[in-house]
Protein backbone atom coordinates (compact mmCIF):
# COMPACT_ATOMS: atom_id res chain seq x y z
CA MET A 1 161.66 -5.49 113.59
CA ASN A 2 161.73 -2.01 114.99
CA PRO A 3 162.05 -2.08 118.83
CA LEU A 4 159.23 0.47 119.14
CA VAL A 5 156.92 -1.70 117.06
CA GLU A 6 157.88 -4.80 119.05
CA ASN A 7 157.26 -2.92 122.30
CA PHE A 8 153.83 -1.78 121.02
CA LEU A 9 152.87 -5.32 119.93
CA GLU A 10 153.89 -6.74 123.29
CA ARG A 11 151.52 -4.42 125.13
CA PRO A 12 148.04 -5.61 126.13
CA ARG A 13 145.40 -5.46 123.43
CA SER A 14 143.43 -2.85 125.39
CA HIS A 15 146.45 -0.51 125.26
CA GLN A 16 146.75 -1.02 121.53
CA ILE A 17 143.04 -0.24 121.00
CA GLY A 18 143.33 2.87 123.22
CA PHE A 19 146.30 4.05 121.15
CA TRP A 20 144.41 3.72 117.88
CA VAL A 21 141.32 5.38 119.31
CA GLY A 22 143.42 8.27 120.64
CA SER A 23 145.21 8.59 117.30
CA LEU A 24 141.86 8.69 115.50
CA LEU A 25 140.51 11.36 117.85
CA LEU A 26 143.66 13.44 117.41
CA ALA A 27 143.42 13.17 113.64
CA SER A 28 139.73 14.13 113.77
CA PHE A 29 140.53 17.17 115.94
CA ILE A 30 143.28 18.30 113.59
CA PHE A 31 140.96 17.88 110.59
CA TRP A 32 138.19 19.87 112.34
CA GLN A 33 140.48 22.60 113.62
CA TYR A 34 142.46 23.28 110.47
CA PHE A 35 140.13 22.34 107.64
CA TYR A 36 136.48 21.65 108.38
CA SER A 37 135.80 24.52 110.86
CA SER A 38 137.23 27.12 108.46
CA LYS A 39 135.19 25.67 105.61
CA LEU A 40 132.08 25.68 107.79
CA GLU A 41 132.62 29.36 108.67
CA GLU A 42 133.11 30.17 104.99
CA TYR A 43 129.91 28.29 104.17
CA ARG A 44 127.99 30.23 106.82
CA LYS A 45 129.23 33.58 105.44
CA LEU A 46 128.32 32.57 101.89
CA SER A 47 124.92 31.38 103.04
CA ASP A 48 124.25 34.71 104.82
CA LYS A 49 125.38 36.62 101.72
CA ILE A 50 123.10 34.55 99.48
CA GLU A 51 120.15 35.16 101.83
CA GLU A 52 120.88 38.90 101.82
CA LEU A 53 121.04 38.97 98.01
CA ASN A 54 117.79 36.99 97.74
CA ASN A 55 116.09 39.48 100.09
CA ASN A 56 117.40 42.38 98.00
CA ILE A 57 116.14 40.75 94.82
CA ALA A 58 112.70 40.18 96.37
CA HIS A 59 112.61 43.81 97.53
CA GLU A 60 113.56 45.08 94.07
CA LYS A 61 110.89 42.87 92.48
CA ARG A 62 108.25 44.30 94.84
CA LEU A 63 109.37 47.83 93.94
CA ALA A 64 109.25 46.99 90.25
CA ARG A 65 105.72 45.62 90.57
CA SER A 66 104.54 48.71 92.47
CA LEU A 67 106.27 51.21 90.17
CA PRO A 68 103.34 51.57 87.70
CA ARG A 69 100.93 52.18 90.59
CA VAL A 70 103.26 54.76 92.15
CA LYS A 71 103.67 56.53 88.80
CA GLU A 72 99.89 56.66 88.40
CA GLU A 73 99.47 58.07 91.92
CA VAL A 74 102.11 60.75 91.25
CA LYS A 75 100.38 61.62 87.96
CA GLU A 76 97.03 61.92 89.75
CA LEU A 77 98.51 64.08 92.53
CA ASN A 78 100.16 66.38 89.99
CA LEU A 79 96.82 66.77 88.23
CA LYS A 80 95.08 67.62 91.51
CA LEU A 81 97.85 70.10 92.33
CA LYS A 82 97.42 71.81 88.95
CA MET A 83 93.67 72.01 89.48
CA ALA A 84 94.19 73.51 92.94
CA LEU A 85 96.75 76.00 91.65
CA ALA A 86 94.33 77.07 88.93
CA GLU A 87 92.10 78.44 91.70
CA LEU A 88 94.98 80.41 93.25
CA PRO A 89 95.61 83.82 91.70
CA ASP A 90 99.11 85.13 91.25
CA LYS A 91 100.39 88.32 92.86
CA ARG A 92 99.19 90.55 90.01
CA GLU A 93 95.56 89.38 90.35
CA ILE A 94 95.18 90.08 94.08
CA PRO A 95 94.22 93.79 93.80
CA ASP A 96 91.47 92.97 91.28
CA LEU A 97 90.22 90.12 93.47
CA LEU A 98 90.01 92.38 96.53
CA THR A 99 88.16 94.96 94.45
CA SER A 100 85.72 92.24 93.38
CA ILE A 101 85.05 91.33 97.03
CA SER A 102 84.33 94.94 98.01
CA ASN A 103 82.12 95.37 94.91
CA LEU A 104 80.13 92.27 95.89
CA ALA A 105 79.49 93.82 99.30
CA ARG A 106 78.18 97.03 97.71
CA ASP A 107 76.13 95.10 95.14
CA ALA A 108 74.47 93.22 98.02
CA GLY A 109 73.40 96.60 99.44
CA LEU A 110 75.90 96.64 102.30
CA GLU A 111 77.60 99.74 103.63
CA ILE A 112 81.35 99.12 103.91
CA ILE A 113 82.64 100.57 107.18
CA TYR A 114 86.22 99.47 106.58
CA PHE A 115 88.10 97.12 104.25
CA LYS A 116 91.72 96.56 105.34
CA PRO A 117 94.10 94.02 103.76
CA LYS A 118 96.36 92.47 106.40
CA GLY A 119 99.87 91.02 106.17
CA GLU A 120 100.30 87.91 104.06
CA ASN A 121 101.00 84.57 105.74
CA LEU A 122 103.47 82.60 103.58
CA LYS A 123 103.12 78.82 103.33
CA ASP A 124 105.09 76.27 101.29
CA PHE A 125 103.88 77.22 97.82
CA TYR A 126 101.10 79.71 98.50
CA ALA A 127 100.31 82.74 100.66
CA GLU A 128 97.23 83.51 102.70
CA VAL A 129 95.93 87.01 101.96
CA PRO A 130 93.52 88.05 104.75
CA VAL A 131 91.32 91.13 104.62
CA SER A 132 89.71 92.48 107.76
CA MET A 133 86.36 94.07 106.95
CA SER A 134 83.27 95.47 108.56
CA VAL A 135 79.95 96.01 106.78
CA ARG A 136 76.50 97.17 107.79
CA GLY A 137 73.17 96.00 106.42
CA THR A 138 70.36 93.52 106.91
CA TYR A 139 70.95 89.89 107.69
CA HIS A 140 69.66 88.98 104.22
CA GLN A 141 72.14 91.38 102.58
CA VAL A 142 75.01 89.88 104.58
CA ALA A 143 73.95 86.34 103.65
CA THR A 144 73.73 87.35 99.98
CA PHE A 145 77.25 88.82 100.14
CA PHE A 146 78.69 85.67 101.71
CA ASP A 147 76.96 83.51 99.09
CA GLU A 148 78.32 85.59 96.21
CA VAL A 149 81.84 85.45 97.65
CA GLY A 150 81.54 81.66 97.78
CA ASN A 151 80.69 81.63 94.06
CA LEU A 152 83.82 83.51 93.01
CA PRO A 153 86.14 81.56 90.67
CA ARG A 154 88.95 82.06 93.20
CA ILE A 155 88.99 80.60 96.71
CA VAL A 156 87.86 83.06 99.38
CA ASN A 157 87.11 81.90 102.91
CA ILE A 158 85.00 83.98 105.29
CA LYS A 159 85.79 83.43 108.96
CA LEU A 160 85.79 85.14 112.36
CA VAL A 161 82.28 86.43 111.67
CA GLU A 162 80.82 88.65 114.39
CA MET A 163 77.37 90.26 114.10
CA LYS A 164 76.56 93.09 116.49
CA ASN A 165 74.74 96.41 117.09
CA PRO A 166 71.35 95.60 115.53
CA ARG A 167 69.41 98.80 114.79
CA LYS A 168 66.07 99.41 113.15
CA SER A 169 66.12 101.68 110.09
CA ASP A 170 63.38 102.08 107.46
CA ASP A 171 61.42 99.28 109.11
CA ARG A 172 64.38 96.92 108.72
CA ILE A 173 66.91 95.63 111.24
CA ARG A 174 70.45 96.45 110.19
CA ILE A 175 73.45 94.84 111.84
CA THR A 176 77.18 95.46 111.82
CA THR A 177 79.13 92.42 110.67
CA ASP A 178 82.86 92.09 111.22
CA CYS A 179 84.72 89.29 109.47
CA VAL A 180 87.97 88.26 107.85
CA ALA A 181 87.89 87.34 104.16
CA THR A 182 90.94 85.23 103.31
CA THR A 183 92.01 84.49 99.78
CA PHE A 184 95.12 82.72 98.61
CA ARG A 185 97.73 83.36 95.97
CA TYR A 186 100.40 81.22 94.38
CA LEU A 187 104.02 81.98 95.28
CA ASP A 188 106.27 82.40 92.28
CA GLU A 189 109.65 80.66 92.10
CA SER A 190 111.65 83.61 93.46
CA GLU A 191 109.32 83.95 96.46
CA ARG A 192 109.62 80.23 97.26
CA VAL A 193 113.43 80.49 97.13
CA VAL A 194 113.41 83.46 99.51
CA LYS A 195 111.06 81.62 101.89
CA LYS A 196 113.31 78.53 101.94
CA LYS A 197 116.36 80.66 102.72
CA LYS A 198 114.54 82.37 105.60
CA GLY A 199 113.46 78.97 106.92
CA ARG A 200 117.05 77.68 106.90
CA ARG A 201 118.26 80.78 108.74
CA ARG A 202 115.62 80.28 111.44
CA ARG A 203 116.67 76.64 111.95
CA ARG A 204 120.31 77.67 112.44
CA ARG A 205 119.42 79.96 115.35
C-alpha cells in the first residue's frame, strides 16, 4: 500500500472527515469560479437582452396600434390647414383686398383721413399685412364698416381702435377713429426658403 495512503488511514477519523470536507469545498470553489459564475453572468446578460427585446417589441406593437389614429389626426390637421390657407390671399391679391377695405369705409359713409399699409411681419408660413388707418364719421357708420370688414371672405382683424374728437355736424356727432386693420397672406415657397435662411443666420450670431 502506498505510504501516503497508509499515513492517511492511520490518522484520526476526524482528520479524515476534515480532509474530505476541505476537498469538497475546494472542488466546489473551483467549479463556481471557473464554470458556474461565468455561466451565471452569461445568463444574466442574455436575460437582460431578452427583456430589452421584449420591451422593444411591446413599444413597436403600441406604435403599430396607434398608427391608424395618428394617420387620421394628420389627415384632419392637413384638411384644417388647407381650409385656413384658403382664407389667406397670396401676394398678388393683397392690393385688391386693401382696395376693398378702403371701399367698404367709403360705402359706410366714412371720410378716410389716411390709409397707410405698414411693413409686413413674416411668420412661419404666412405674413401679417397691417394697415394703419384713420376715418371720420358717426359711430353707426364706424360700426357698419367694422361689421362689413368682418364679413369679407378673407381674414381681416381690426385692432388698436381709438375713437376721439367728437364733433357735431348736421345734427349728428362725428368722431375720428384710428385703428389698424391687419390681414394675412400666404408665403410662397421661395419666401419661406428666404425666411428660413435669415433665421439660421440670426441663430449663428
